[in-house]
Amino acid sequence: MKGTFLGMLGLTCWALAMPEEGGRDWRGELLQREGIGLSKEALEKALKGGGRPLPDLEKVFERLGADGFSEREKAQEELLRGGEATLKWLREREPSQGPEVQRRVAEVIKLLGFAHRNERKMAVEHAVKSLLAEGNERKENTGGLFYEWFGEGQAKLGKRYRVLTFENSANRGGAVVGGQVVFSGGGGQDGDQRLVLHSKKWPGEETFGEAFQVSAKLRGESKGMGAWHLGISIGRVRALYHPGLRGGSFRFERIDNHDYLGRTGSVGFTPGEEVPQWMSVKVRRLPDNKVSLEVVLEQGGKKEGRFETSIIVEADQIGELDEVSLDRSGRVGGSAYFDDFTVRILGE
């Protein structure tokens, strides 16, 4: 088909061409979810700002109360696609009388109202630009960016979610609901729940390289505050904080033996359970077998705050830079929620 390089046939061949144990090119799926075509013309139109059609908000809203669960989930996903236009429309609309619709509307407003970061918008832009640049020569590392938005619901996490691996030493469950991964805080034992991305899955290499950045939106319920924590892991080291606890009580620790690396300290604000935080960990391999970790933790809303810290660890402490993960660690307590899991390969 002259003039196109990613029609439906091309997308099918693309999927079949991916190694069975290899990575996943998330870009085509995300653009389809956003209502953007995959032809060259559609991508070029999107690049100019005209490729994402706004859903019929009134009709989509009515489907939030549909009988079928999958139909309600799809309607919520379509409202999220509308972005700022959806947010403005929902805030001006009369409240619904149905509790199910009220809950879903509140969830959409909460997700769209997080002002600090919009990873999905950036991921869509990256997908469009990188696919146009690659043409038919697709790259396994998807242009140096991996993005998981948890758009495929899963009532119970098994060992895998797409290319991610679920590790669960706490014997507590996990699920993907409403565009978020949820690590339950009830039952089980003291331990870890981790959703792991291995470098062999993406970018298809032995490690993530000399420099990369991992980020996510995350929040936790205040139940059992101080007894458990959440955060992001790089190799054998993770950056953690306590949701709901005054000051957040941030620290770095080893995953394998739980040894603290450096001091526990305040982030300067209380991580709330209603408004998500945004965490970023920038990783750089240094000379003399050392690795630098630079962390940013932000919170929007009325109790906004920003925290930055860094640490340099020995390479034998952090291990090979071949896995990153979203983590809930500790005892019984509140559930942890994660969204917009992003890994970006950085320049040297």
Protein backbone atom coordinates (compact mmCIF):
# COMPACT_ATOMS: atom_id res chain seq x y z
CA MET A 1 0.00 0.00 0.00
CA LYS A 2 1.90 3.00 -1.30
CA GLY A 3 1.88 5.99 1.08
CA THR A 4 1.26 3.93 4.19
CA PHE A 5 3.55 1.85 6.35
CA LEU A 6 1.41 0.82 9.28
CA GLY A 7 -2.00 -0.30 8.09
CA MET A 8 -3.82 -3.10 9.85
CA LEU A 9 -1.94 -5.72 7.84
CA GLY A 10 1.32 -4.05 8.77
CA LEU A 11 0.35 -4.03 12.43
CA THR A 12 -0.44 -7.75 12.29
CA CYS A 13 2.91 -8.52 10.67
CA TRP A 14 4.60 -6.32 13.23
CA ALA A 15 3.10 -8.31 16.11
CA LEU A 16 3.98 -11.64 14.50
CA ALA A 17 7.53 -10.48 13.89
CA MET A 18 8.20 -9.78 17.56
CA PRO A 19 10.20 -12.53 19.29
CA GLU A 20 8.05 -14.75 21.50
CA GLU A 21 10.18 -13.92 24.54
CA GLY A 22 11.15 -10.45 23.37
CA GLY A 23 9.83 -6.99 24.03
CA ARG A 24 6.52 -5.39 23.18
CA ASP A 25 6.05 -2.42 20.91
CA TRP A 26 3.47 -0.51 22.92
CA ARG A 27 3.18 2.36 20.45
CA GLY A 28 0.66 0.94 18.01
CA GLU A 29 -1.69 -0.18 20.77
CA LEU A 30 -1.53 3.18 22.54
CA LEU A 31 -2.24 5.11 19.34
CA GLN A 32 -5.20 2.86 18.59
CA ARG A 33 -6.52 3.48 22.12
CA GLU A 34 -6.16 7.21 21.50
CA GLY A 35 -8.14 6.97 18.26
CA ILE A 36 -5.14 7.86 16.10
CA GLY A 37 -4.62 5.91 12.89
CA LEU A 38 -1.37 4.13 12.13
CA SER A 39 -0.92 5.17 8.52
CA LYS A 40 1.72 7.71 7.59
CA GLU A 41 -1.00 10.24 6.85
CA ALA A 42 -2.69 9.70 10.23
CA LEU A 43 0.61 10.01 12.10
CA GLU A 44 1.52 13.20 10.25
CA LYS A 45 -1.93 14.61 11.03
CA ALA A 46 -1.49 13.77 14.71
CA LEU A 47 1.92 15.43 14.71
CA LYS A 48 0.22 18.64 13.63
CA GLY A 49 -2.28 18.35 16.47
CA GLY A 50 -5.28 17.10 14.51
CA GLY A 51 -5.11 13.34 14.94
CA ARG A 52 -6.93 12.70 18.21
CA PRO A 53 -10.73 12.91 17.87
CA LEU A 54 -12.67 14.00 20.96
CA PRO A 55 -15.20 11.35 22.03
CA ASP A 56 -18.90 12.14 22.27
CA LEU A 57 -18.75 12.82 26.00
CA GLU A 58 -22.51 12.61 26.61
CA LYS A 59 -22.81 9.18 25.00
CA VAL A 60 -19.68 7.88 26.70
CA PHE A 61 -20.91 9.16 30.06
CA GLU A 62 -24.17 7.21 29.68
CA ARG A 63 -22.15 4.00 29.23
CA LEU A 64 -20.50 4.44 32.65
CA GLY A 65 -23.67 2.93 34.09
CA ALA A 66 -23.96 0.06 31.60
CA ASP A 67 -24.85 -3.43 32.83
CA GLY A 68 -21.63 -5.01 31.59
CA PHE A 69 -18.38 -4.43 33.52
CA SER A 70 -16.27 -4.39 30.35
CA GLU A 71 -18.52 -1.74 28.82
CA ARG A 72 -18.15 0.45 31.92
CA GLU A 73 -14.36 -0.01 31.80
CA LYS A 74 -14.24 0.99 28.11
CA ALA A 75 -16.34 4.08 28.79
CA GLN A 76 -14.00 5.19 31.56
CA GLU A 77 -11.01 4.65 29.25
CA GLU A 78 -12.66 6.78 26.54
CA LEU A 79 -13.33 9.60 29.01
CA LEU A 80 -9.66 9.59 29.99
CA ARG A 81 -8.80 9.88 26.31
CA GLY A 82 -10.59 13.22 26.20
CA GLY A 83 -7.99 14.80 28.49
CA GLU A 84 -8.55 18.39 29.57
CA ALA A 85 -11.81 18.64 27.59
CA THR A 86 -13.24 15.71 29.57
CA LEU A 87 -12.06 17.20 32.86
CA LYS A 88 -13.74 20.55 32.19
CA TRP A 89 -16.96 18.86 31.00
CA LEU A 90 -17.22 16.58 34.04
CA ARG A 91 -16.60 19.40 36.49
CA GLU A 92 -19.42 21.46 34.96
CA ARG A 93 -21.88 18.57 34.79
CA GLU A 94 -24.55 17.84 37.40
CA PRO A 95 -23.48 14.96 39.71
CA SER A 96 -24.87 11.52 38.85
CA GLN A 97 -27.24 9.79 41.25
CA GLY A 98 -25.77 6.32 40.71
CA PRO A 99 -22.94 5.29 43.08
CA GLU A 100 -21.08 3.32 40.37
CA VAL A 101 -21.07 6.29 38.00
CA GLN A 102 -20.13 8.67 40.82
CA ARG A 103 -17.14 6.48 41.70
CA ARG A 104 -15.94 6.30 38.11
CA VAL A 105 -16.38 10.03 37.53
CA ALA A 106 -14.39 10.76 40.68
CA GLU A 107 -11.63 8.43 39.48
CA VAL A 108 -11.46 10.09 36.04
CA ILE A 109 -11.35 13.57 37.58
CA LYS A 110 -8.60 12.46 39.97
CA LEU A 111 -6.48 10.96 37.19
CA LEU A 112 -6.96 13.85 34.77
CA GLY A 113 -6.55 16.48 37.47
CA PHE A 114 -2.99 15.50 38.31
CA ALA A 115 -1.30 18.62 37.00
CA HIS A 116 2.39 17.96 37.58
CA ARG A 117 2.98 15.37 34.88
CA ASN A 118 1.17 14.04 31.82
CA GLU A 119 3.20 10.99 30.84
CA ARG A 120 0.52 9.62 28.54
CA LYS A 121 0.48 12.75 26.43
CA MET A 122 4.27 12.63 26.13
CA ALA A 123 4.14 8.91 25.28
CA VAL A 124 1.62 9.54 22.48
CA GLU A 125 3.85 12.27 21.06
CA HIS A 126 6.88 9.98 21.24
CA ALA A 127 4.98 7.13 19.57
CA VAL A 128 3.93 9.36 16.68
CA LYS A 129 7.36 10.89 16.12
CA SER A 130 9.35 7.68 16.50
CA LEU A 131 7.10 5.64 14.20
CA LEU A 132 7.31 8.32 11.54
CA ALA A 133 11.10 8.39 11.88
CA GLU A 134 11.45 4.60 11.72
CA GLY A 135 9.09 3.92 8.82
CA ASN A 136 9.13 0.17 8.17
CA GLU A 137 12.38 -0.30 10.10
CA ARG A 138 10.93 -0.65 13.57
CA LYS A 139 13.29 -0.68 16.54
CA GLU A 140 12.93 -3.23 19.30
CA ASN A 141 13.74 -0.52 21.87
CA THR A 142 10.76 1.54 20.56
CA GLY A 143 12.86 4.62 20.04
CA GLY A 144 14.40 4.57 23.51
CA LEU A 145 11.17 4.84 25.50
CA PHE A 146 8.96 2.24 27.18
CA TYR A 147 5.51 3.18 28.47
CA GLU A 148 2.88 1.09 30.29
CA TRP A 149 -0.48 2.73 31.02
CA PHE A 150 -2.26 -0.39 32.37
CA GLY A 151 -5.13 -0.14 29.92
CA GLU A 152 -5.91 -3.87 29.96
CA GLY A 153 -7.84 -4.81 33.08
CA GLN A 154 -6.84 -7.91 35.01
CA ALA A 155 -8.85 -8.89 38.08
CA LYS A 156 -5.99 -10.96 39.48
CA LEU A 157 -2.35 -10.56 38.56
CA GLY A 158 -0.68 -13.80 37.66
CA LYS A 159 3.03 -14.16 37.04
CA ARG A 160 2.90 -11.77 34.08
CA TYR A 161 1.20 -8.61 32.92
CA ARG A 162 2.11 -8.06 29.27
CA VAL A 163 5.94 -7.99 29.33
CA LEU A 164 6.10 -7.28 33.06
CA THR A 165 6.66 -9.94 35.75
CA PHE A 166 4.75 -9.95 39.05
CA GLU A 167 6.87 -11.04 42.04
CA ASN A 168 5.01 -11.50 45.33
CA SER A 169 6.85 -12.60 48.47
CA ALA A 170 4.12 -10.99 50.63
CA ASN A 171 1.42 -13.45 49.55
CA ARG A 172 -0.88 -10.49 48.88
CA GLY A 173 -2.67 -10.08 45.59
CA GLY A 174 -2.43 -7.61 42.76
CA ALA A 175 -4.82 -6.43 40.07
CA VAL A 176 -5.14 -3.96 37.22
CA VAL A 177 -8.32 -1.90 37.60
CA GLY A 178 -9.38 1.41 36.03
CA GLY A 179 -6.05 2.01 34.32
CA GLN A 180 -3.96 1.43 37.45
CA VAL A 181 -2.07 -1.50 38.91
CA VAL A 182 -3.17 -2.14 42.50
CA PHE A 183 -1.11 -4.01 45.10
CA SER A 184 -3.46 -5.09 47.87
CA GLY A 185 -2.48 -4.21 51.43
CA GLY A 186 -4.80 -6.70 53.14
CA GLY A 187 -3.78 -10.14 54.38
CA GLY A 188 -0.56 -11.90 53.63
CA GLN A 189 2.70 -11.31 55.45
CA ASP A 190 5.63 -8.93 55.66
CA GLY A 191 7.15 -8.90 52.18
CA ASP A 192 7.26 -7.37 48.71
CA GLN A 193 4.90 -7.02 45.76
CA ARG A 194 6.83 -6.00 42.65
CA LEU A 195 5.94 -5.51 38.99
CA VAL A 196 9.26 -5.93 37.20
CA LEU A 197 10.53 -4.95 33.77
CA HIS A 198 13.60 -6.96 32.73
CA SER A 199 15.97 -5.39 30.21
CA LYS A 200 15.86 -8.51 28.03
CA LYS A 201 12.14 -7.87 27.56
CA TRP A 202 12.76 -4.19 26.82
CA PRO A 203 14.92 -2.74 25.29
CA GLY A 204 16.02 -6.27 24.42
CA GLU A 205 19.52 -5.89 25.86
CA GLU A 206 21.52 -7.37 28.73
CA THR A 207 21.08 -4.13 30.72
CA PHE A 208 19.29 -0.80 30.41
CA GLY A 209 22.60 0.83 29.52
CA GLU A 210 24.82 3.49 31.00
CA ALA A 211 22.09 6.07 31.66
CA PHE A 212 18.31 5.82 31.91
CA GLN A 213 15.34 7.24 33.83
CA VAL A 214 12.41 5.41 35.43
CA SER A 215 9.22 7.19 36.51
CA ALA A 216 5.65 6.50 37.58
CA LYS A 217 2.60 8.01 39.19
CA LEU A 218 1.94 6.32 42.52
CA ARG A 219 -0.04 6.71 45.70
CA GLY A 220 -0.99 4.66 48.74
CA GLU A 221 -3.83 4.43 51.22
CA SER A 222 -3.06 5.74 54.69
CA LYS A 223 -4.10 2.50 56.43
CA GLY A 224 -1.24 1.15 58.50
CA MET A 225 0.88 4.19 57.67
CA GLY A 226 4.47 3.78 58.72
CA ALA A 227 4.29 -0.03 58.52
CA TRP A 228 4.67 -0.23 54.75
CA HIS A 229 6.06 1.81 51.86
CA LEU A 230 6.05 2.11 48.08
CA GLY A 231 8.43 3.28 45.39
CA ILE A 232 10.67 2.34 42.46
CA SER A 233 13.50 -0.20 42.36
CA ILE A 234 16.63 -0.11 40.22
CA GLY A 235 18.47 -3.42 40.30
CA ARG A 236 18.89 -4.37 43.97
CA VAL A 237 18.31 -0.84 45.30
CA ARG A 238 14.98 0.88 45.74
CA ALA A 239 13.74 4.36 46.61
CA LEU A 240 10.84 4.21 49.08
CA TYR A 241 8.54 6.46 51.07
CA HIS A 242 5.59 6.01 53.45
CA PRO A 243 2.19 7.24 52.17
CA GLY A 244 0.00 9.11 54.67
CA LEU A 245 2.88 9.53 57.10
CA ARG A 246 3.87 13.07 57.97
CA GLY A 247 7.10 13.83 56.13
CA GLY A 248 6.92 10.68 54.03
CA SER A 249 10.02 9.11 55.66
CA PHE A 250 12.03 8.54 52.47
CA ARG A 251 14.96 6.14 52.20
CA PHE A 252 17.08 4.00 49.90
CA GLU A 253 17.39 0.32 50.77
CA ARG A 254 18.59 -2.97 49.38
CA ILE A 255 15.86 -5.33 48.15
CA ASP A 256 17.66 -8.54 49.04
CA ASN A 257 18.65 -7.83 52.64
CA HIS A 258 16.66 -4.62 53.43
CA ASP A 259 19.81 -2.80 54.55
CA TYR A 260 19.37 0.98 54.56
CA LEU A 261 21.65 2.97 52.28
CA GLY A 262 22.09 6.38 53.86
CA ARG A 263 19.71 8.02 56.30
CA THR A 264 15.92 8.05 56.40
CA GLY A 265 14.65 11.59 55.89
CA SER A 266 11.57 13.76 55.45
CA VAL A 267 10.34 14.70 51.97
CA GLY A 268 8.90 17.96 53.33
CA PHE A 269 5.24 17.10 52.76
CA THR A 270 2.77 14.35 53.62
CA PRO A 271 2.18 12.01 50.66
CA GLY A 272 -1.61 11.99 50.29
CA GLU A 273 -3.83 9.09 49.36
CA GLU A 274 -6.26 11.01 47.15
CA VAL A 275 -3.78 12.90 44.97
CA PRO A 276 -1.02 10.77 43.39
CA GLN A 277 2.65 11.54 43.64
CA TRP A 278 5.10 11.39 40.74
CA MET A 279 8.46 9.70 41.28
CA SER A 280 11.44 9.74 38.94
CA VAL A 281 14.77 7.95 39.37
CA LYS A 282 17.60 8.95 37.03
CA VAL A 283 20.33 6.33 36.82
CA ARG A 284 23.91 6.85 35.60
CA ARG A 285 26.82 4.44 35.68
CA LEU A 286 29.94 6.24 36.92
CA PRO A 287 33.65 5.43 36.71
CA ASP A 288 35.25 3.21 39.38
CA ASN A 289 32.29 0.80 39.52
CA LYS A 290 29.78 3.23 41.00
CA VAL A 291 26.19 4.11 40.09
CA SER A 292 24.39 7.41 40.70
CA LEU A 293 20.66 7.53 41.55
CA GLU A 294 18.89 10.91 41.43
CA VAL A 295 15.32 10.93 42.77
CA VAL A 296 12.54 13.48 42.35
CA LEU A 297 9.24 13.09 44.21
CA GLU A 298 6.41 15.55 43.46
CA GLN A 299 2.87 16.01 44.68
CA GLY A 300 0.24 18.31 43.23
CA GLY A 301 -3.04 19.60 44.59
CA LYS A 302 -3.55 21.77 47.66
CA LYS A 303 -0.73 20.05 49.54
CA GLU A 304 1.80 20.17 46.75
CA GLY A 305 5.45 19.56 47.38
CA ARG A 306 8.70 18.59 45.74
CA PHE A 307 11.58 16.54 47.09
CA GLU A 308 14.96 15.80 45.50
CA THR A 309 17.77 13.59 46.71
CA SER A 310 20.59 11.46 45.33
CA ILE A 311 22.97 8.70 46.29
CA ILE A 312 26.05 7.03 44.82
CA VAL A 313 26.27 3.28 45.40
CA GLU A 314 28.83 0.65 44.60
CA ALA A 315 28.08 -1.47 41.53
CA ASP A 316 28.17 -4.65 43.61
CA GLN A 317 25.43 -3.20 45.85
CA ILE A 318 23.01 -2.41 43.05
CA GLY A 319 23.96 -5.34 40.82
CA GLU A 320 23.52 -5.48 37.06
CA LEU A 321 21.26 -2.72 35.77
CA ASP A 322 19.01 -5.29 34.18
CA GLU A 323 15.69 -4.82 36.00
CA VAL A 324 13.47 -2.02 37.29
CA SER A 325 10.19 -2.32 39.16
CA LEU A 326 7.20 -0.75 40.88
CA ASP A 327 7.16 -1.84 44.53
CA ARG A 328 4.96 -2.13 47.59
CA SER A 329 6.98 -3.39 50.53
CA GLY A 330 6.24 -4.09 54.19
CA ARG A 331 3.34 -5.24 56.29
CA VAL A 332 -0.44 -5.34 56.09
CA GLY A 333 -1.95 -1.89 55.55
CA GLY A 334 -3.23 0.25 52.73
CA SER A 335 -3.16 -0.68 49.06
CA ALA A 336 -0.67 0.87 46.64
CA TYR A 337 -1.62 2.26 43.21
CA PHE A 338 0.65 2.81 40.20
CA ASP A 339 0.14 4.34 36.76
CA ASP A 340 2.15 5.71 33.82
CA PHE A 341 5.20 3.45 34.22
CA THR A 342 7.88 4.97 31.98
CA VAL A 343 11.47 4.02 31.20
CA ARG A 344 13.56 6.34 29.04
CA ILE A 345 17.05 5.60 27.72
CA LEU A 346 19.21 8.71 28.14
CA GLY A 347 22.15 9.96 26.13
CA GLU A 348 25.65 9.34 27.34
